[in-house]
C-alpha cells in the first residue's frame, strides 16, 4: 500500500470537519504530529483539488481570524469563505470566529 502524501493526509483530516464547525491550521498540524507545520497545512489547502468535498473553507487561524482562501489572503476570495461559513451557520464578528463555540478538534 502506498503511503499517503502530507497533502492527502491534510485533505483527509479536513474532510472530517463537520458543517457549522471550523478547525485551525495549527490543530491539523498537531494531529499530523509534525510540530509547527501550520504553513504547510495552509499550502496544501491552497492547492486543494477536492473542493468543495474537502471543505478547506472550514480551516481558520488559531486566533479565530479567517485566514486565506483559494490561495489569497484578502479580497473577493475571503468574502467567499465568509459567505460559505455563514451559510453553514458559523457566526463571524470583526472577521473572527469564536473557536470556543464553533471550534472542532479531532479526537
PDB file of N, CA and C in Angstrom:
ATOM      1  N   UNK A   1       0.848  -1.179   0.000  1.00  0.00           N
ATOM      2  CA  UNK A   1       0.000   0.000   0.000  1.00  0.00           C
ATOM      3  C   UNK A   1       0.895   1.244   0.000  1.00  0.00           C
ATOM      4  N   UNK A   2       0.546   2.191  -0.840  1.00  0.00           N
ATOM      5  CA  UNK A   2       1.330   3.410  -0.962  1.00  0.00           C
ATOM      6  C   UNK A   2       1.060   4.358   0.204  1.00  0.00           C
ATOM      7  N   UNK A   3       2.119   4.963   0.716  1.00  0.00           N
ATOM      8  CA  UNK A   3       1.985   5.912   1.816  1.00  0.00           C
ATOM      9  C   UNK A   3       1.335   7.205   1.308  1.00  0.00           C
ATOM     10  N   UNK A   4       0.417   7.733   2.104  1.00  0.00           N
ATOM     11  CA  UNK A   4      -0.277   8.967   1.744  1.00  0.00           C
ATOM     12  C   UNK A   4       0.652  10.170   1.863  1.00  0.00           C
ATOM     13  N   UNK A   5       0.564  11.089   0.934  1.00  0.00           N
ATOM     14  CA  UNK A   5       1.368  12.304   0.997  1.00  0.00           C
ATOM     15  C   UNK A   5       0.875  13.204   2.130  1.00  0.00           C
ATOM     16  N   UNK A   6       1.698  14.148   2.508  1.00  0.00           N
ATOM     17  CA  UNK A   6       1.306  15.112   3.535  1.00  0.00           C
ATOM     18  C   UNK A   6       0.007  15.796   3.134  1.00  0.00           C
ATOM     19  N   UNK A   7      -0.067  16.283   1.905  1.00  0.00           N
ATOM     20  CA  UNK A   7      -1.277  16.979   1.441  1.00  0.00           C
ATOM     21  C   UNK A   7      -2.504  16.089   1.529  1.00  0.00           C
ATOM     22  N   UNK A   8      -2.375  14.834   1.116  1.00  0.00           N
ATOM     23  CA  UNK A   8      -3.513  13.911   1.175  1.00  0.00           C
ATOM     24  C   UNK A   8      -3.957  13.685   2.621  1.00  0.00           C
ATOM     25  N   UNK A   9      -3.018  13.639   3.533  1.00  0.00           N
ATOM     26  CA  UNK A   9      -3.365  13.489   4.950  1.00  0.00           C
ATOM     27  C   UNK A   9      -4.102  14.730   5.450  1.00  0.00           C
ATOM     28  N   UNK A  10      -3.674  15.914   4.996  1.00  0.00           N
ATOM     29  CA  UNK A  10      -4.367  17.156   5.356  1.00  0.00           C
ATOM     30  C   UNK A  10      -5.798  17.124   4.828  1.00  0.00           C
ATOM     31  N   UNK A  11      -5.973  16.729   3.564  1.00  0.00           N
ATOM     32  CA  UNK A  11      -7.317  16.691   2.966  1.00  0.00           C
ATOM     33  C   UNK A  11      -8.212  15.691   3.690  1.00  0.00           C
ATOM     34  N   UNK A  12      -7.637  14.567   4.085  1.00  0.00           N
ATOM     35  CA  UNK A  12      -8.422  13.549   4.803  1.00  0.00           C
ATOM     36  C   UNK A  12      -8.936  14.109   6.129  1.00  0.00           C
ATOM     37  N   UNK A  13      -8.052  14.793   6.869  1.00  0.00           N
ATOM     38  CA  UNK A  13      -8.478  15.397   8.141  1.00  0.00           C
ATOM     39  C   UNK A  13      -9.508  16.493   7.907  1.00  0.00           C
ATOM     40  N   UNK A  14      -9.245  17.342   6.949  1.00  0.00           N
ATOM     41  CA  UNK A  14     -10.132  18.462   6.673  1.00  0.00           C
ATOM     42  C   UNK A  14     -11.545  17.979   6.313  1.00  0.00           C
ATOM     43  N   UNK A  15     -11.621  16.867   5.625  1.00  0.00           N
ATOM     44  CA  UNK A  15     -12.933  16.340   5.225  1.00  0.00           C
ATOM     45  C   UNK A  15     -13.762  15.878   6.423  1.00  0.00           C
ATOM     46  N   UNK A  16     -13.139  15.741   7.589  1.00  0.00           N
ATOM     47  CA  UNK A  16     -13.850  15.317   8.803  1.00  0.00           C
ATOM     48  C   UNK A  16     -14.453  16.484   9.592  1.00  0.00           C
ATOM     49  N   UNK A  17     -14.139  17.714   9.211  1.00  0.00           N
ATOM     50  CA  UNK A  17     -14.673  18.877   9.926  1.00  0.00           C
ATOM     51  C   UNK A  17     -16.137  19.026   9.539  1.00  0.00           C
ATOM     52  N   UNK A  18     -17.053  18.924  10.495  1.00  0.00           N
ATOM     53  CA  UNK A  18     -18.480  18.975  10.149  1.00  0.00           C
ATOM     54  C   UNK A  18     -18.945  20.374   9.773  1.00  0.00           C
ATOM     55  N   UNK A  19     -20.025  20.407   9.031  1.00  0.00           N
ATOM     56  CA  UNK A  19     -20.654  21.671   8.676  1.00  0.00           C
ATOM     57  C   UNK A  19     -21.017  22.422   9.949  1.00  0.00           C
ATOM     58  N   UNK A  20     -20.768  23.738   9.954  1.00  0.00           N
ATOM     59  CA  UNK A  20     -21.072  24.556  11.122  1.00  0.00           C
ATOM     60  C   UNK A  20     -19.947  24.606  12.141  1.00  0.00           C
ATOM     61  N   UNK A  21     -18.836  23.963  11.835  1.00  0.00           N
ATOM     62  CA  UNK A  21     -17.668  23.963  12.717  1.00  0.00           C
ATOM     63  C   UNK A  21     -16.437  24.368  11.913  1.00  0.00           C
ATOM     64  N   UNK A  22     -15.394  24.759  12.629  1.00  0.00           N
ATOM     65  CA  UNK A  22     -14.117  25.086  11.999  1.00  0.00           C
ATOM     66  C   UNK A  22     -12.990  24.449  12.805  1.00  0.00           C
ATOM     67  N   UNK A  23     -11.883  24.245  12.141  1.00  0.00           N
ATOM     68  CA  UNK A  23     -10.664  23.834  12.817  1.00  0.00           C
ATOM     69  C   UNK A  23      -9.591  24.844  12.435  1.00  0.00           C
ATOM     70  N   UNK A  24      -8.397  24.640  12.921  1.00  0.00           N
ATOM     71  CA  UNK A  24      -7.322  25.584  12.635  1.00  0.00           C
ATOM     72  C   UNK A  24      -6.173  24.873  11.920  1.00  0.00           C
ATOM     73  N   UNK A  25      -5.370  25.676  11.239  1.00  0.00           N
ATOM     74  CA  UNK A  25      -4.179  25.145  10.584  1.00  0.00           C
ATOM     75  C   UNK A  25      -3.295  24.455  11.624  1.00  0.00           C
ATOM     76  N   UNK A  26      -3.180  25.072  12.794  1.00  0.00           N
ATOM     77  CA  UNK A  26      -2.346  24.533  13.865  1.00  0.00           C
ATOM     78  C   UNK A  26      -2.888  23.203  14.382  1.00  0.00           C
ATOM     79  N   UNK A  27      -4.203  23.103  14.568  1.00  0.00           N
ATOM     80  CA  UNK A  27      -4.820  21.870  15.057  1.00  0.00           C
ATOM     81  C   UNK A  27      -4.571  20.722  14.080  1.00  0.00           C
ATOM     82  N   UNK A  28      -4.715  20.983  12.811  1.00  0.00           N
ATOM     83  CA  UNK A  28      -4.469  19.946  11.812  1.00  0.00           C
ATOM     84  C   UNK A  28      -3.000  19.523  11.855  1.00  0.00           C
ATOM     85  N   UNK A  29      -2.113  20.494  11.980  1.00  0.00           N
ATOM     86  CA  UNK A  29      -0.685  20.187  12.098  1.00  0.00           C
ATOM     87  C   UNK A  29      -0.372  19.334  13.306  1.00  0.00           C
ATOM     88  N   UNK A  30      -1.016  19.633  14.446  1.00  0.00           N
ATOM     89  CA  UNK A  30      -0.788  18.842  15.657  1.00  0.00           C
ATOM     90  C   UNK A  30      -1.243  17.405  15.474  1.00  0.00           C
ATOM     91  N   UNK A  31      -2.376  17.215  14.832  1.00  0.00           N
ATOM     92  CA  UNK A  31      -2.879  15.861  14.613  1.00  0.00           C
ATOM     93  C   UNK A  31      -1.925  15.072  13.719  1.00  0.00           C
ATOM     94  N   UNK A  32      -1.321  15.754  12.776  1.00  0.00           N
ATOM     95  CA  UNK A  32      -0.374  15.089  11.885  1.00  0.00           C
ATOM     96  C   UNK A  32       0.951  14.792  12.577  1.00  0.00           C
ATOM     97  N   UNK A  33       1.133  15.354  13.786  1.00  0.00           N
ATOM     98  CA  UNK A  33       2.317  15.066  14.570  1.00  0.00           C
ATOM     99  C   UNK A  33       3.593  15.618  14.005  1.00  0.00           C
ATOM    100  N   UNK A  34       3.505  16.694  13.302  1.00  0.00           N
ATOM    101  CA  UNK A  34       4.663  17.241  12.618  1.00  0.00           C
ATOM    102  C   UNK A  34       5.184  18.519  13.258  1.00  0.00           C
ATOM    103  N   UNK A  35       4.747  18.877  14.445  1.00  0.00           N
ATOM    104  CA  UNK A  35       5.204  20.117  15.064  1.00  0.00           C
ATOM    105  C   UNK A  35       4.519  21.327  14.462  1.00  0.00           C
ATOM    106  N   UNK A  36       5.278  22.348  14.213  1.00  0.00           N
ATOM    107  CA  UNK A  36       4.708  23.607  13.719  1.00  0.00           C
ATOM    108  C   UNK A  36       4.664  23.612  12.193  1.00  0.00           C
ATOM    109  N   UNK A  37       3.692  22.924  11.643  1.00  0.00           N
ATOM    110  CA  UNK A  37       3.583  22.827  10.195  1.00  0.00           C
ATOM    111  C   UNK A  37       2.344  23.538   9.663  1.00  0.00           C
ATOM    112  N   UNK A  38       1.835  24.482  10.431  1.00  0.00           N
ATOM    113  CA  UNK A  38       0.597  25.141  10.017  1.00  0.00           C
ATOM    114  C   UNK A  38       0.719  25.834   8.670  1.00  0.00           C
ATOM    115  N   UNK A  39       1.891  26.333   8.324  1.00  0.00           N
ATOM    116  CA  UNK A  39       2.064  26.941   6.994  1.00  0.00           C
ATOM    117  C   UNK A  39       1.997  25.886   5.899  1.00  0.00           C
ATOM    118  N   UNK A  40       2.562  24.726   6.163  1.00  0.00           N
ATOM    119  CA  UNK A  40       2.482  23.628   5.185  1.00  0.00           C
ATOM    120  C   UNK A  40       1.038  23.165   5.028  1.00  0.00           C
ATOM    121  N   UNK A  41       0.276  23.164   6.112  1.00  0.00           N
ATOM    122  CA  UNK A  41      -1.148  22.834   6.045  1.00  0.00           C
ATOM    123  C   UNK A  41      -1.855  23.858   5.149  1.00  0.00           C
ATOM    124  N   UNK A  42      -1.562  25.133   5.364  1.00  0.00           N
ATOM    125  CA  UNK A  42      -2.148  26.188   4.538  1.00  0.00           C
ATOM    126  C   UNK A  42      -1.794  26.034   3.066  1.00  0.00           C
ATOM    127  N   UNK A  43      -0.543  25.695   2.776  1.00  0.00           N
ATOM    128  CA  UNK A  43      -0.127  25.492   1.383  1.00  0.00           C
ATOM    129  C   UNK A  43      -0.880  24.317   0.760  1.00  0.00           C
ATOM    130  N   UNK A  44      -1.035  23.253   1.512  1.00  0.00           N
ATOM    131  CA  UNK A  44      -1.773  22.095   0.994  1.00  0.00           C
ATOM    132  C   UNK A  44      -3.219  22.469   0.690  1.00  0.00           C
ATOM    133  N   UNK A  45      -3.838  23.211   1.594  1.00  0.00           N
ATOM    134  CA  UNK A  45      -5.234  23.594   1.391  1.00  0.00           C
ATOM    135  C   UNK A  45      -5.384  24.603   0.256  1.00  0.00           C
ATOM    136  N   UNK A  46      -4.382  25.424   0.050  1.00  0.00           N
ATOM    137  CA  UNK A  46      -4.402  26.389  -1.063  1.00  0.00           C
ATOM    138  C   UNK A  46      -4.541  25.651  -2.390  1.00  0.00           C
ATOM    139  N   UNK A  47      -3.946  24.477  -2.479  1.00  0.00           N
ATOM    140  CA  UNK A  47      -3.957  23.691  -3.707  1.00  0.00           C
ATOM    141  C   UNK A  47      -4.988  22.557  -3.678  1.00  0.00           C
ATOM    142  N   UNK A  48      -5.957  22.630  -2.795  1.00  0.00           N
ATOM    143  CA  UNK A  48      -6.955  21.587  -2.591  1.00  0.00           C
ATOM    144  C   UNK A  48      -7.700  21.248  -3.902  1.00  0.00           C
ATOM    145  N   UNK A  49      -7.414  20.089  -4.475  1.00  0.00           N
ATOM    146  CA  UNK A  49      -8.095  19.723  -5.717  1.00  0.00           C
ATOM    147  C   UNK A  49      -9.475  19.097  -5.496  1.00  0.00           C
ATOM    148  N   UNK A  50      -9.855  18.901  -4.238  1.00  0.00           N
ATOM    149  CA  UNK A  50     -11.090  18.201  -3.918  1.00  0.00           C
ATOM    150  C   UNK A  50     -12.225  19.112  -3.434  1.00  0.00           C
ATOM    151  N   UNK A  51     -12.007  20.420  -3.455  1.00  0.00           N
ATOM    152  CA  UNK A  51     -13.052  21.333  -3.002  1.00  0.00           C
ATOM    153  C   UNK A  51     -14.257  21.206  -3.932  1.00  0.00           C
ATOM    154  N   UNK A  52     -15.453  21.258  -3.432  1.00  0.00           N
ATOM    155  CA  UNK A  52     -15.855  21.519  -2.050  1.00  0.00           C
ATOM    156  C   UNK A  52     -16.003  20.252  -1.195  1.00  0.00           C
ATOM    157  N   UNK A  53     -15.745  19.065  -1.781  1.00  0.00           N
ATOM    158  CA  UNK A  53     -15.868  17.834  -0.987  1.00  0.00           C
ATOM    159  C   UNK A  53     -14.955  17.872   0.226  1.00  0.00           C
ATOM    160  N   UNK A  54     -13.751  18.400   0.051  1.00  0.00           N
ATOM    161  CA  UNK A  54     -12.852  18.651   1.182  1.00  0.00           C
ATOM    162  C   UNK A  54     -13.009  20.136   1.505  1.00  0.00           C
ATOM    163  N   UNK A  55     -13.732  20.441   2.581  1.00  0.00           N
ATOM    164  CA  UNK A  55     -14.141  21.823   2.871  1.00  0.00           C
ATOM    165  C   UNK A  55     -13.037  22.681   3.500  1.00  0.00           C
ATOM    166  N   UNK A  56     -12.080  23.104   2.692  1.00  0.00           N
ATOM    167  CA  UNK A  56     -10.949  23.874   3.219  1.00  0.00           C
ATOM    168  C   UNK A  56     -11.386  25.236   3.769  1.00  0.00           C
ATOM    169  N   UNK A  57     -12.595  25.685   3.413  1.00  0.00           N
ATOM    170  CA  UNK A  57     -13.086  26.952   3.966  1.00  0.00           C
ATOM    171  C   UNK A  57     -13.352  26.837   5.470  1.00  0.00           C
ATOM    172  N   UNK A  58     -13.376  25.638   6.001  1.00  0.00           N
ATOM    173  CA  UNK A  58     -13.617  25.419   7.427  1.00  0.00           C
ATOM    174  C   UNK A  58     -12.344  25.440   8.257  1.00  0.00           C
ATOM    175  N   UNK A  59     -11.235  25.866   7.668  1.00  0.00           N
ATOM    176  CA  UNK A  59      -9.971  25.948   8.396  1.00  0.00           C
ATOM    177  C   UNK A  59      -9.580  27.414   8.523  1.00  0.00           C
ATOM    178  N   UNK A  60      -9.323  27.834   9.773  1.00  0.00           N
ATOM    179  CA  UNK A  60      -9.021  29.232  10.073  1.00  0.00           C
ATOM    180  C   UNK A  60      -7.754  29.317  10.922  1.00  0.00           C
ATOM    181  N   UNK A  61      -7.338  30.534  11.198  1.00  0.00           N
ATOM    182  CA  UNK A  61      -6.149  30.745  12.034  1.00  0.00           C
ATOM    183  C   UNK A  61      -6.458  30.428  13.503  1.00  0.00           C
ATOM    184  N   UNK A  62      -5.423  30.211  14.277  1.00  0.00           N
ATOM    185  CA  UNK A  62      -5.569  29.825  15.685  1.00  0.00           C
ATOM    186  C   UNK A  62      -6.227  30.883  16.554  1.00  0.00           C
ATOM    187  N   UNK A  63      -6.193  32.142  16.110  1.00  0.00           N
ATOM    188  CA  UNK A  63      -6.851  33.202  16.877  1.00  0.00           C
ATOM    189  C   UNK A  63      -8.300  33.410  16.431  1.00  0.00           C
ATOM    190  N   UNK A  64      -8.787  32.554  15.530  1.00  0.00           N
ATOM    191  CA  UNK A  64     -10.162  32.651  15.053  1.00  0.00           C
ATOM    192  C   UNK A  64     -10.329  33.549  13.841  1.00  0.00           C
ATOM    193  N   UNK A  65      -9.255  34.208  13.401  1.00  0.00           N
ATOM    194  CA  UNK A  65      -9.393  35.049  12.213  1.00  0.00           C
ATOM    195  C   UNK A  65      -9.462  34.160  10.975  1.00  0.00           C
ATOM    196  N   UNK A  66     -10.004  34.717   9.917  1.00  0.00           N
ATOM    197  CA  UNK A  66     -10.392  33.948   8.738  1.00  0.00           C
ATOM    198  C   UNK A  66      -9.234  33.254   8.033  1.00  0.00           C
ATOM    199  N   UNK A  67      -8.118  33.915   7.851  1.00  0.00           N
ATOM    200  CA  UNK A  67      -7.011  33.317   7.101  1.00  0.00           C
ATOM    201  C   UNK A  67      -7.252  33.433   5.608  1.00  0.00           C
ATOM    202  N   UNK A  68      -6.519  32.672   4.835  1.00  0.00           N
ATOM    203  CA  UNK A  68      -6.635  32.738   3.382  1.00  0.00           C
ATOM    204  C   UNK A  68      -7.667  31.770   2.842  1.00  0.00           C
ATOM    205  N   UNK A  69      -7.907  31.909   1.533  1.00  0.00           N
ATOM    206  CA  UNK A  69      -8.845  31.022   0.856  1.00  0.00           C
ATOM    207  C   UNK A  69      -8.526  31.023  -0.626  1.00  0.00           C
ATOM    208  N   UNK A  70      -8.397  29.850  -1.191  1.00  0.00           N
ATOM    209  CA  UNK A  70      -8.080  29.701  -2.609  1.00  0.00           C
ATOM    210  C   UNK A  70      -6.788  30.418  -2.973  1.00  0.00           C
ATOM    211  N   UNK A  71      -5.841  30.365  -2.073  1.00  0.00           N
ATOM    212  CA  UNK A  71      -4.536  30.939  -2.353  1.00  0.00           C
ATOM    213  C   UNK A  71      -4.439  32.436  -2.155  1.00  0.00           C
ATOM    214  N   UNK A  72      -5.484  33.067  -1.666  1.00  0.00           N
ATOM    215  CA  UNK A  72      -5.484  34.520  -1.477  1.00  0.00           C
ATOM    216  C   UNK A  72      -5.656  34.848   0.004  1.00  0.00           C
ATOM    217  N   UNK A  73      -5.042  35.944   0.416  1.00  0.00           N
ATOM    218  CA  UNK A  73      -5.145  36.379   1.807  1.00  0.00           C
ATOM    219  C   UNK A  73      -6.303  37.358   1.998  1.00  0.00           C
ATOM    220  N   UNK A  74      -6.613  38.146   1.004  1.00  0.00           N
ATOM    221  CA  UNK A  74      -7.698  39.116   1.140  1.00  0.00           C
ATOM    222  C   UNK A  74      -8.557  39.160  -0.104  1.00  0.00           C
ATOM    223  N   UNK A  75      -9.468  40.121  -0.113  1.00  0.00           N
ATOM    224  CA  UNK A  75     -10.276  40.363  -1.299  1.00  0.00           C
ATOM    225  C   UNK A  75     -11.462  39.444  -1.450  1.00  0.00           C
ATOM    226  N   UNK A  76     -11.864  39.257  -2.707  1.00  0.00           N
ATOM    227  CA  UNK A  76     -13.070  38.521  -3.079  1.00  0.00           C
ATOM    228  C   UNK A  76     -13.086  37.099  -2.522  1.00  0.00           C
ATOM    229  N   UNK A  77     -11.944  36.428  -2.525  1.00  0.00           N
ATOM    230  CA  UNK A  77     -11.899  35.049  -2.051  1.00  0.00           C
ATOM    231  C   UNK A  77     -12.236  34.934  -0.571  1.00  0.00           C
ATOM    232  N   UNK A  78     -11.786  35.908   0.224  1.00  0.00           N
ATOM    233  CA  UNK A  78     -12.104  35.893   1.654  1.00  0.00           C
ATOM    234  C   UNK A  78     -13.597  36.125   1.867  1.00  0.00           C
ATOM    235  N   UNK A  79     -14.169  36.998   1.064  1.00  0.00           N
ATOM    236  CA  UNK A  79     -15.619  37.235   1.131  1.00  0.00           C
ATOM    237  C   UNK A  79     -16.353  35.924   0.853  1.00  0.00           C
ATOM    238  N   UNK A  80     -15.875  35.172  -0.131  1.00  0.00           N
ATOM    239  CA  UNK A  80     -16.488  33.883  -0.454  1.00  0.00           C
ATOM    240  C   UNK A  80     -16.362  32.907   0.715  1.00  0.00           C
ATOM    241  N   UNK A  81     -15.206  32.862   1.366  1.00  0.00           N
ATOM    242  CA  UNK A  81     -15.001  31.982   2.520  1.00  0.00           C
ATOM    243  C   UNK A  81     -15.968  32.354   3.642  1.00  0.00           C
ATOM    244  N   UNK A  82     -16.092  33.632   3.909  1.00  0.00           N
ATOM    245  CA  UNK A  82     -17.017  34.106   4.943  1.00  0.00           C
ATOM    246  C   UNK A  82     -18.448  33.711   4.597  1.00  0.00           C
ATOM    247  N   UNK A  83     -18.846  33.898   3.347  1.00  0.00           N
ATOM    248  CA  UNK A  83     -20.204  33.548   2.926  1.00  0.00           C
ATOM    249  C   UNK A  83     -20.474  32.053   3.098  1.00  0.00           C
ATOM    250  N   UNK A  84     -19.506  31.226   2.740  1.00  0.00           N
ATOM    251  CA  UNK A  84     -19.670  29.776   2.911  1.00  0.00           C
ATOM    252  C   UNK A  84     -19.839  29.406   4.382  1.00  0.00           C
ATOM    253  N   UNK A  85     -19.014  29.987   5.238  1.00  0.00           N
ATOM    254  CA  UNK A  85     -19.105  29.700   6.671  1.00  0.00           C
ATOM    255  C   UNK A  85     -20.429  30.186   7.251  1.00  0.00           C
ATOM    256  N   UNK A  86     -20.834  31.389   6.890  1.00  0.00           N
ATOM    257  CA  UNK A  86     -22.105  31.920   7.402  1.00  0.00           C
ATOM    258  C   UNK A  86     -23.287  31.092   6.912  1.00  0.00           C
ATOM    259  N   UNK A  87     -23.225  30.612   5.682  1.00  0.00           N
ATOM    260  CA  UNK A  87     -24.283  29.752   5.139  1.00  0.00           C
ATOM    261  C   UNK A  87     -24.411  28.471   5.954  1.00  0.00           C
ATOM    262  N   UNK A  88     -23.290  28.019   6.534  1.00  0.00           N
ATOM    263  CA  UNK A  88     -23.280  26.813   7.361  1.00  0.00           C
ATOM    264  C   UNK A  88     -23.624  27.097   8.817  1.00  0.00           C
ATOM    265  N   UNK A  89     -23.901  28.372   9.134  1.00  0.00           N
ATOM    266  CA  UNK A  89     -24.316  28.719  10.490  1.00  0.00           C
ATOM    267  C   UNK A  89     -23.212  29.232  11.396  1.00  0.00           C
ATOM    268  N   UNK A  90     -22.026  29.464  10.868  1.00  0.00           N
ATOM    269  CA  UNK A  90     -20.915  29.978  11.669  1.00  0.00           C
ATOM    270  C   UNK A  90     -21.005  31.501  11.724  1.00  0.00           C
ATOM    271  N   UNK A  91     -21.039  32.040  12.933  1.00  0.00           N
ATOM    272  CA  UNK A  91     -21.082  33.496  13.118  1.00  0.00           C
ATOM    273  C   UNK A  91     -19.681  34.076  13.032  1.00  0.00           C
ATOM    274  N   UNK A  92     -19.570  35.183  12.301  1.00  0.00           N
ATOM    275  CA  UNK A  92     -18.285  35.855  12.164  1.00  0.00           C
ATOM    276  C   UNK A  92     -18.472  37.301  12.588  1.00  0.00           C
ATOM    277  N   UNK A  93     -17.705  37.715  13.586  1.00  0.00           N
ATOM    278  CA  UNK A  93     -17.769  39.086  14.091  1.00  0.00           C
ATOM    279  C   UNK A  93     -16.387  39.690  13.999  1.00  0.00           C
ATOM    280  N   UNK A  94     -16.290  40.856  13.358  1.00  0.00           N
ATOM    281  CA  UNK A  94     -14.998  41.532  13.173  1.00  0.00           C
ATOM    282  C   UNK A  94     -13.971  40.613  12.525  1.00  0.00           C
ATOM    283  N   UNK A  95     -14.426  39.849  11.525  1.00  0.00           N
ATOM    284  CA  UNK A  95     -13.581  38.905  10.783  1.00  0.00           C
ATOM    285  C   UNK A  95     -12.956  37.823  11.661  1.00  0.00           C
ATOM    286  N   UNK A  96     -13.637  37.479  12.748  1.00  0.00           N
ATOM    287  CA  UNK A  96     -13.163  36.411  13.633  1.00  0.00           C
ATOM    288  C   UNK A  96     -14.302  35.469  13.985  1.00  0.00           C
ATOM    289  N   UNK A  97     -13.909  34.244  14.306  1.00  0.00           N
ATOM    290  CA  UNK A  97     -14.849  33.203  14.706  1.00  0.00           C
ATOM    291  C   UNK A  97     -14.551  32.812  16.145  1.00  0.00           C
ATOM    292  N   UNK A  98     -15.596  32.645  16.934  1.00  0.00           N
ATOM    293  CA  UNK A  98     -15.442  32.211  18.319  1.00  0.00           C
ATOM    294  C   UNK A  98     -15.128  30.713  18.314  1.00  0.00           C
ATOM    295  N   UNK A  99     -13.873  30.385  18.533  1.00  0.00           N
ATOM    296  CA  UNK A  99     -13.453  28.986  18.475  1.00  0.00           C
ATOM    297  C   UNK A  99     -14.016  28.156  19.623  1.00  0.00           C
ATOM    298  N   UNK A 100     -14.376  28.800  20.732  1.00  0.00           N
ATOM    299  CA  UNK A 100     -14.997  28.049  21.830  1.00  0.00           C
ATOM    300  C   UNK A 100     -16.373  27.541  21.413  1.00  0.00           C
ATOM    301  N   UNK A 101     -17.048  28.306  20.568  1.00  0.00           N
ATOM    302  CA  UNK A 101     -18.391  27.949  20.119  1.00  0.00           C
ATOM    303  C   UNK A 101     -18.362  27.072  18.857  1.00  0.00           C
ATOM    304  N   UNK A 102     -17.491  27.406  17.923  1.00  0.00           N
ATOM    305  CA  UNK A 102     -17.506  26.743  16.618  1.00  0.00           C
ATOM    306  C   UNK A 102     -16.299  25.842  16.345  1.00  0.00           C
ATOM    307  N   UNK A 103     -15.353  25.818  17.270  1.00  0.00           N
ATOM    308  CA  UNK A 103     -14.134  25.051  17.056  1.00  0.00           C
ATOM    309  C   UNK A 103     -14.360  23.551  17.073  1.00  0.00           C
ATOM    310  N   UNK A 104     -13.663  22.867  16.203  1.00  0.00           N
ATOM    311  CA  UNK A 104     -13.718  21.411  16.105  1.00  0.00           C
ATOM    312  C   UNK A 104     -12.306  20.876  16.353  1.00  0.00           C
ATOM    313  N   UNK A 105     -12.210  19.908  17.240  1.00  0.00           N
ATOM    314  CA  UNK A 105     -10.916  19.258  17.458  1.00  0.00           C
ATOM    315  C   UNK A 105     -11.068  17.788  17.090  1.00  0.00           C
ATOM    316  N   UNK A 106     -10.016  17.209  16.614  1.00  0.00           N
ATOM    317  CA  UNK A 106     -10.012  15.813  16.203  1.00  0.00           C
ATOM    318  C   UNK A 106      -9.689  14.959  17.415  1.00  0.00           C
ATOM    319  N   UNK A 107     -10.544  13.941  17.655  1.00  0.00           N
ATOM    320  CA  UNK A 107     -10.276  13.071  18.800  1.00  0.00           C
ATOM    321  C   UNK A 107     -10.065  11.640  18.380  1.00  0.00           C
TER     322      UNK A 107
END
